[in-house]
Amino acid sequence: MLRFADPELHWGRGPEADAARAVAGVWAAPVVHAGQRYDSAAVVDPRPEPPSRVDLAAALDGSPGSRVPHAWVAGVSTLDLVASRWTLLAGAAGDRWLAAATGAGLSAHRVSAPWLPDDGTLLVRPDAIVAMRATAPVPDPARFLTGVLDQLLARPNTAPGG
């Protein structure tokens, strides 16, 4: 409603507009449109509050609950790689993650981007929302991924010994 009273709060650019939005408690338009985050059972460790009211790049950092960030992978955007299916994006050293994703029947791609550590991974939902982020190696990526999918899809635990 504040944007209706002062359209510059929505359309204004530059430091003055950012300052006016901060005073009014209004988010920048790009963050409002693409920087939303979700907190639900279909997200592991969600971070619902975007880190910046102004900077969309800061809001799209691969955090669970946020929209998958853009990066080029062999000429295709990560936004297009998801293609309405569960997709795993693995960092440069993510061979074990890629193998685990293939074994689980997921689409999987290696990504080099500042928001994804070399040994990290993102599991992206079909709606392009990051469902899970792992930033460090895990002992058994296949078992870990199976457990995460069981949790996200609310299905009985199918992992051995689980």
Protein backbone atom coordinates (compact mmCIF):
# COMPACT_ATOMS: atom_id res chain seq x y z
CA MET A 1 0.00 0.00 0.00
CA LEU A 2 2.96 2.30 0.64
CA ARG A 3 3.94 1.91 -3.01
CA PHE A 4 0.55 3.24 -4.14
CA ALA A 5 1.02 6.39 -2.07
CA ASP A 6 4.52 6.99 -3.49
CA PRO A 7 5.34 5.21 -6.79
CA GLU A 8 8.99 6.20 -6.39
CA LEU A 9 9.19 3.65 -3.59
CA HIS A 10 8.58 1.01 -6.27
CA TRP A 11 10.16 2.47 -9.40
CA GLY A 12 12.86 4.75 -8.01
CA ARG A 13 16.50 3.87 -8.62
CA GLY A 14 19.72 4.90 -6.97
CA PRO A 15 20.85 5.61 -3.43
CA GLU A 16 18.11 8.18 -2.76
CA ALA A 17 15.38 5.71 -3.70
CA ASP A 18 17.06 2.99 -1.63
CA ALA A 19 17.19 5.35 1.36
CA ALA A 20 13.51 6.30 0.93
CA ARG A 21 12.55 2.61 0.80
CA ALA A 22 14.58 1.91 3.94
CA VAL A 23 12.82 4.72 5.82
CA ALA A 24 9.41 3.48 4.64
CA GLY A 25 10.25 -0.18 5.31
CA VAL A 26 9.68 -1.14 1.66
CA TRP A 27 11.69 -3.70 -0.33
CA ALA A 28 13.20 -2.92 -3.75
CA ALA A 29 10.96 -4.09 -6.63
CA PRO A 30 13.37 -6.76 -7.99
CA VAL A 31 13.70 -8.29 -4.51
CA VAL A 32 9.91 -8.30 -4.13
CA HIS A 33 9.40 -9.99 -7.51
CA ALA A 34 12.23 -12.54 -7.54
CA GLY A 35 13.77 -12.53 -4.07
CA GLN A 36 10.96 -14.12 -2.07
CA ARG A 37 11.82 -17.05 0.19
CA TYR A 38 9.74 -19.90 1.54
CA ASP A 39 9.63 -21.66 4.87
CA SER A 40 7.88 -25.01 4.54
CA ALA A 41 8.25 -28.74 5.09
CA ALA A 42 9.40 -28.91 1.46
CA VAL A 43 12.59 -26.97 2.33
CA VAL A 44 15.46 -28.21 4.52
CA ASP A 45 16.74 -25.49 6.92
CA PRO A 46 14.90 -22.59 5.25
CA ARG A 47 16.11 -19.03 5.61
CA PRO A 48 12.90 -17.10 4.94
CA GLU A 49 14.27 -13.57 5.38
CA PRO A 50 16.18 -12.26 2.34
CA PRO A 51 19.53 -10.78 3.37
CA SER A 52 19.05 -7.47 1.56
CA ARG A 53 16.12 -5.14 0.99
CA VAL A 54 17.94 -3.67 -2.01
CA ASP A 55 20.27 -6.16 -3.71
CA LEU A 56 18.65 -8.97 -5.69
CA ALA A 57 22.02 -10.71 -6.19
CA ALA A 58 22.41 -10.93 -2.41
CA ALA A 59 18.87 -12.32 -2.08
CA LEU A 60 19.55 -14.99 -4.73
CA ASP A 61 22.43 -16.72 -2.98
CA GLY A 62 21.28 -20.34 -3.13
CA SER A 63 19.86 -20.37 0.39
CA PRO A 64 17.18 -22.98 1.05
CA GLY A 65 13.77 -21.50 0.34
CA SER A 66 15.04 -19.02 -2.28
CA ARG A 67 14.73 -19.15 -6.05
CA VAL A 68 17.65 -20.97 -7.70
CA PRO A 69 20.29 -18.40 -8.70
CA HIS A 70 21.38 -17.96 -12.29
CA ALA A 71 24.65 -19.35 -13.63
CA TRP A 72 25.61 -20.52 -17.10
CA VAL A 73 26.17 -24.25 -17.59
CA ALA A 74 27.32 -25.07 -21.13
CA GLY A 75 25.34 -22.12 -22.49
CA VAL A 76 22.16 -22.91 -20.53
CA SER A 77 21.00 -21.00 -17.46
CA THR A 78 20.51 -22.90 -14.21
CA LEU A 79 16.99 -21.42 -14.30
CA ASP A 80 16.31 -23.45 -17.45
CA LEU A 81 18.12 -26.59 -16.28
CA VAL A 82 15.46 -27.19 -13.63
CA ALA A 83 12.78 -27.60 -16.32
CA SER A 84 9.99 -28.52 -13.85
CA ARG A 85 11.81 -31.49 -12.31
CA TRP A 86 13.93 -32.18 -9.24
CA THR A 87 17.46 -31.11 -10.13
CA LEU A 88 20.77 -31.34 -8.32
CA LEU A 89 23.43 -28.69 -8.94
CA ALA A 90 26.89 -29.74 -7.76
CA GLY A 91 30.04 -27.66 -7.40
CA ALA A 92 33.27 -28.27 -9.31
CA ALA A 93 34.36 -31.09 -6.96
CA GLY A 94 30.89 -32.64 -6.79
CA ASP A 95 31.48 -35.98 -8.54
CA ARG A 96 30.02 -37.94 -5.61
CA TRP A 97 26.93 -35.69 -5.55
CA LEU A 98 26.46 -36.14 -9.30
CA ALA A 99 26.70 -39.93 -8.95
CA ALA A 100 24.22 -39.90 -6.06
CA ALA A 101 21.76 -37.79 -8.06
CA THR A 102 22.03 -40.06 -11.08
CA GLY A 103 21.42 -43.08 -8.85
CA ALA A 104 18.30 -41.38 -7.47
CA GLY A 105 17.01 -40.64 -10.97
CA LEU A 106 17.52 -36.88 -10.68
CA SER A 107 18.70 -34.46 -13.30
CA ALA A 108 22.19 -33.36 -12.23
CA HIS A 109 24.63 -30.71 -13.43
CA ARG A 110 28.04 -29.38 -12.43
CA VAL A 111 27.97 -25.63 -11.75
CA SER A 112 30.75 -23.16 -11.18
CA ALA A 113 29.28 -20.13 -9.41
CA PRO A 114 30.20 -17.92 -6.43
CA TRP A 115 27.07 -19.07 -4.55
CA LEU A 116 28.05 -22.78 -4.69
CA PRO A 117 31.20 -24.12 -2.99
CA ASP A 118 33.27 -26.56 -5.05
CA ASP A 119 32.26 -29.45 -2.77
CA GLY A 120 28.72 -28.19 -2.20
CA THR A 121 25.37 -28.93 -3.79
CA LEU A 122 21.86 -27.56 -4.19
CA LEU A 123 18.79 -29.70 -4.58
CA VAL A 124 16.24 -27.66 -6.50
CA ARG A 125 12.50 -28.36 -6.49
CA PRO A 126 10.52 -28.48 -9.77
CA ASP A 127 9.27 -24.93 -9.05
CA ALA A 128 12.90 -23.66 -9.07
CA ILE A 129 13.03 -23.18 -5.28
CA VAL A 130 16.16 -24.43 -3.50
CA ALA A 131 15.01 -27.34 -1.33
CA MET A 132 18.37 -28.20 0.25
CA ARG A 133 21.89 -26.83 0.34
CA ALA A 134 24.98 -28.73 1.43
CA THR A 135 28.15 -26.66 1.66
CA ALA A 136 30.53 -29.36 2.91
CA PRO A 137 31.21 -32.98 2.01
CA VAL A 138 29.04 -35.68 3.58
CA PRO A 139 30.25 -39.27 4.17
CA ASP A 140 27.62 -40.91 1.96
CA PRO A 141 25.98 -38.50 -0.53
CA ALA A 142 23.64 -41.18 -1.91
CA ARG A 143 22.23 -42.02 1.51
CA PHE A 144 22.08 -38.36 2.49
CA LEU A 145 20.22 -37.45 -0.70
CA THR A 146 17.77 -40.33 -0.26
CA GLY A 147 17.05 -39.16 3.29
CA VAL A 148 16.52 -35.58 2.14
CA LEU A 149 14.13 -36.66 -0.61
CA ASP A 150 12.24 -38.87 1.88
CA GLN A 151 11.87 -35.85 4.18
CA LEU A 152 10.89 -33.39 1.45
CA LEU A 153 8.40 -35.73 -0.19
CA ALA A 154 7.03 -36.93 3.19
CA ARG A 155 7.61 -40.56 2.25
CA PRO A 156 8.65 -43.35 4.61
CA ASN A 157 12.38 -43.61 5.17
CA THR A 158 13.78 -45.96 2.54
CA ALA A 159 17.48 -45.63 3.41
CA PRO A 160 19.12 -48.86 4.67
CA GLY A 161 19.29 -48.90 8.44
CA GLY A 162 17.04 -45.84 8.60
